[in-house]
C-alpha cells in the first residue's frame, strides 16, 4: 500500500512539473509575440520620424507613447 501511495505522489509531482513547464512555454511565446510587435512598432516609428512625420501622428499610427518616439535615433 505504501508503495502505491509513493507512486501516486511521484506521478502527481511529475504531472505538476510538466504542467508548469507547459504553462511557462505558452507564457514565453506570448511575451515573445508582444515584444516582437513592440519592436516592429519602434522600427516603423523610426522610419516615419526620419521621413519628417510629426511625432503625434506617429504615436497615433503606431500606438507608441510620444516619449518613446522622441527618444528614437
N, C-alpha and C. Protein backbone atom coordinates (compact mmCIF):
# COMPACT_ATOMS: atom_id res chain seq x y z
N UNK A 1 0.81 -1.19 0.00
CA UNK A 1 0.00 0.00 0.00
C UNK A 1 0.86 1.27 0.00
N UNK A 2 1.93 1.27 0.79
CA UNK A 2 2.81 2.43 0.85
C UNK A 2 3.50 2.64 -0.49
N UNK A 3 3.82 1.53 -1.18
CA UNK A 3 4.47 1.63 -2.47
C UNK A 3 3.57 2.33 -3.48
N UNK A 4 2.30 1.95 -3.50
CA UNK A 4 1.34 2.57 -4.43
C UNK A 4 1.15 4.04 -4.08
N UNK A 5 1.10 4.34 -2.83
CA UNK A 5 0.96 5.73 -2.39
C UNK A 5 2.15 6.56 -2.84
N UNK A 6 3.36 6.01 -2.74
CA UNK A 6 4.55 6.76 -3.17
C UNK A 6 4.55 6.93 -4.69
N UNK A 7 4.06 5.94 -5.42
CA UNK A 7 3.95 6.06 -6.87
C UNK A 7 2.96 7.16 -7.25
N UNK A 8 1.85 7.23 -6.53
CA UNK A 8 0.86 8.28 -6.77
C UNK A 8 1.45 9.66 -6.53
N UNK A 9 2.20 9.79 -5.43
CA UNK A 9 2.83 11.10 -5.14
C UNK A 9 3.84 11.47 -6.22
N UNK A 10 4.63 10.49 -6.66
CA UNK A 10 5.63 10.75 -7.71
C UNK A 10 4.93 11.15 -9.01
N UNK A 11 3.86 10.45 -9.37
CA UNK A 11 3.11 10.77 -10.59
C UNK A 11 2.51 12.17 -10.49
N UNK A 12 1.94 12.50 -9.34
CA UNK A 12 1.37 13.83 -9.14
C UNK A 12 2.44 14.91 -9.26
N UNK A 13 3.59 14.65 -8.68
CA UNK A 13 4.71 15.60 -8.75
C UNK A 13 5.14 15.80 -10.20
N UNK A 14 5.32 14.71 -10.92
CA UNK A 14 5.74 14.80 -12.32
C UNK A 14 4.71 15.53 -13.18
N UNK A 15 3.44 15.27 -12.93
CA UNK A 15 2.38 15.96 -13.68
C UNK A 15 2.37 17.45 -13.37
N UNK A 16 2.62 17.81 -12.12
CA UNK A 16 2.66 19.22 -11.73
C UNK A 16 3.81 19.93 -12.43
N UNK A 17 4.98 19.29 -12.46
CA UNK A 17 6.14 19.87 -13.13
C UNK A 17 5.88 20.01 -14.63
N UNK A 18 5.31 19.00 -15.24
CA UNK A 18 5.03 19.03 -16.68
C UNK A 18 4.05 20.16 -17.01
N UNK A 19 3.03 20.33 -16.19
CA UNK A 19 2.05 21.39 -16.42
C UNK A 19 2.69 22.76 -16.26
N UNK A 20 3.54 22.91 -15.26
CA UNK A 20 4.21 24.20 -15.05
C UNK A 20 5.11 24.53 -16.24
N UNK A 21 5.82 23.55 -16.78
CA UNK A 21 6.67 23.77 -17.94
C UNK A 21 5.84 24.17 -19.17
N UNK A 22 4.72 23.50 -19.34
CA UNK A 22 3.84 23.79 -20.48
C UNK A 22 3.31 25.22 -20.39
N UNK A 23 2.89 25.62 -19.19
CA UNK A 23 2.37 26.98 -19.00
C UNK A 23 3.46 28.02 -19.19
N UNK A 24 4.67 27.72 -18.74
CA UNK A 24 5.79 28.65 -18.90
C UNK A 24 6.14 28.83 -20.38
N UNK A 25 6.09 27.74 -21.14
CA UNK A 25 6.35 27.84 -22.58
C UNK A 25 5.31 28.72 -23.26
N UNK A 26 4.05 28.51 -22.92
CA UNK A 26 2.97 29.30 -23.53
C UNK A 26 3.14 30.77 -23.17
N UNK A 27 3.47 31.06 -21.93
CA UNK A 27 3.66 32.44 -21.50
C UNK A 27 4.85 33.06 -22.23
N UNK A 28 5.90 32.29 -22.41
CA UNK A 28 7.08 32.77 -23.13
C UNK A 28 6.76 33.11 -24.58
N UNK A 29 5.93 32.28 -25.21
CA UNK A 29 5.53 32.56 -26.59
C UNK A 29 4.75 33.85 -26.68
N UNK A 30 3.82 34.05 -25.76
CA UNK A 30 3.01 35.26 -25.76
C UNK A 30 3.89 36.49 -25.55
N UNK A 31 4.81 36.41 -24.59
CA UNK A 31 5.72 37.53 -24.34
C UNK A 31 6.58 37.82 -25.57
N UNK A 32 7.02 36.78 -26.24
CA UNK A 32 7.83 36.96 -27.44
C UNK A 32 7.06 37.67 -28.55
N UNK A 33 5.81 37.30 -28.71
CA UNK A 33 4.97 37.94 -29.72
C UNK A 33 4.75 39.41 -29.39
N UNK A 34 4.46 39.69 -28.13
CA UNK A 34 4.24 41.07 -27.70
C UNK A 34 5.50 41.90 -27.91
N UNK A 35 6.64 41.37 -27.50
CA UNK A 35 7.90 42.09 -27.67
C UNK A 35 8.22 42.31 -29.14
N UNK A 36 7.93 41.32 -29.97
CA UNK A 36 8.16 41.45 -31.40
C UNK A 36 7.31 42.54 -32.02
N UNK A 37 6.05 42.62 -31.61
CA UNK A 37 5.17 43.66 -32.13
C UNK A 37 5.64 45.05 -31.69
N UNK A 38 6.10 45.15 -30.46
CA UNK A 38 6.59 46.43 -29.96
C UNK A 38 7.84 46.84 -30.73
N UNK A 39 8.72 45.90 -30.96
CA UNK A 39 9.95 46.17 -31.72
C UNK A 39 9.61 46.64 -33.13
N UNK A 40 8.62 46.01 -33.75
CA UNK A 40 8.21 46.41 -35.09
C UNK A 40 7.63 47.83 -35.08
N UNK A 41 6.85 48.15 -34.04
CA UNK A 41 6.28 49.50 -33.93
C UNK A 41 7.40 50.53 -33.78
N UNK A 42 8.44 50.19 -33.02
CA UNK A 42 9.57 51.11 -32.86
C UNK A 42 10.29 51.33 -34.18
N UNK A 43 10.48 50.27 -34.94
CA UNK A 43 11.15 50.39 -36.24
C UNK A 43 10.32 51.24 -37.19
N UNK A 44 9.03 51.03 -37.20
CA UNK A 44 8.13 51.82 -38.04
C UNK A 44 8.18 53.28 -37.62
N UNK A 45 8.13 53.52 -36.33
CA UNK A 45 8.15 54.89 -35.81
C UNK A 45 9.45 55.60 -36.21
N UNK A 46 10.56 54.89 -36.13
CA UNK A 46 11.83 55.50 -36.51
C UNK A 46 11.84 55.86 -37.99
N UNK A 47 11.32 54.98 -38.82
CA UNK A 47 11.25 55.27 -40.25
C UNK A 47 10.38 56.49 -40.51
N UNK A 48 9.23 56.55 -39.86
CA UNK A 48 8.33 57.69 -40.05
C UNK A 48 8.97 58.98 -39.53
N UNK A 49 9.66 58.88 -38.41
CA UNK A 49 10.33 60.05 -37.84
C UNK A 49 11.40 60.56 -38.80
N UNK A 50 12.16 59.65 -39.38
CA UNK A 50 13.19 60.03 -40.35
C UNK A 50 12.60 60.63 -41.62
N UNK A 51 11.34 60.34 -41.91
CA UNK A 51 10.66 60.91 -43.07
C UNK A 51 10.08 62.28 -42.76
N UNK A 52 10.18 62.70 -41.49
CA UNK A 52 9.69 64.02 -41.11
C UNK A 52 8.22 64.06 -40.69
N UNK A 53 7.64 62.91 -40.43
CA UNK A 53 6.24 62.84 -39.98
C UNK A 53 6.18 63.35 -38.54
N UNK A 54 5.20 64.18 -38.21
CA UNK A 54 5.08 64.70 -36.83
C UNK A 54 4.92 63.56 -35.81
N UNK A 55 5.53 63.76 -34.66
CA UNK A 55 5.57 62.74 -33.61
C UNK A 55 4.16 62.36 -33.15
N UNK A 56 3.25 63.32 -33.06
CA UNK A 56 1.89 62.98 -32.60
C UNK A 56 1.19 62.06 -33.59
N UNK A 57 1.45 62.23 -34.88
CA UNK A 57 0.84 61.35 -35.89
C UNK A 57 1.47 59.96 -35.84
N UNK A 58 2.76 59.91 -35.58
CA UNK A 58 3.44 58.62 -35.45
C UNK A 58 2.88 57.86 -34.25
N UNK A 59 2.65 58.58 -33.17
CA UNK A 59 2.10 57.95 -31.96
C UNK A 59 0.72 57.36 -32.25
N UNK A 60 -0.10 58.10 -32.98
CA UNK A 60 -1.44 57.58 -33.33
C UNK A 60 -1.33 56.35 -34.21
N UNK A 61 -0.40 56.40 -35.18
CA UNK A 61 -0.29 55.30 -36.14
C UNK A 61 0.30 54.03 -35.51
N UNK A 62 1.20 54.19 -34.57
CA UNK A 62 1.90 53.01 -34.02
C UNK A 62 1.40 52.57 -32.66
N UNK A 63 0.72 53.45 -31.95
CA UNK A 63 0.28 53.12 -30.59
C UNK A 63 1.37 53.32 -29.55
N UNK A 64 2.50 53.89 -29.97
CA UNK A 64 3.59 54.15 -29.03
C UNK A 64 3.36 55.47 -28.32
N UNK A 65 4.02 55.64 -27.18
CA UNK A 65 3.96 56.90 -26.46
C UNK A 65 4.87 57.92 -27.13
N UNK A 66 4.51 59.17 -27.06
CA UNK A 66 5.30 60.23 -27.67
C UNK A 66 6.73 60.22 -27.12
N UNK A 67 6.87 59.98 -25.82
CA UNK A 67 8.20 59.95 -25.20
C UNK A 67 9.08 58.88 -25.83
N UNK A 68 8.49 57.72 -26.12
CA UNK A 68 9.26 56.64 -26.75
C UNK A 68 9.75 57.06 -28.13
N UNK A 69 8.87 57.70 -28.86
CA UNK A 69 9.19 58.11 -30.22
C UNK A 69 10.28 59.17 -30.22
N UNK A 70 10.17 60.11 -29.30
CA UNK A 70 11.16 61.19 -29.24
C UNK A 70 12.55 60.67 -28.90
N UNK A 71 12.66 59.57 -28.19
CA UNK A 71 13.97 59.00 -27.82
C UNK A 71 14.63 58.23 -28.97
N UNK A 72 13.86 57.91 -30.00
CA UNK A 72 14.41 57.13 -31.11
C UNK A 72 15.43 57.91 -31.90
N UNK A 73 16.50 57.22 -32.28
CA UNK A 73 17.54 57.83 -33.12
C UNK A 73 18.01 56.84 -34.14
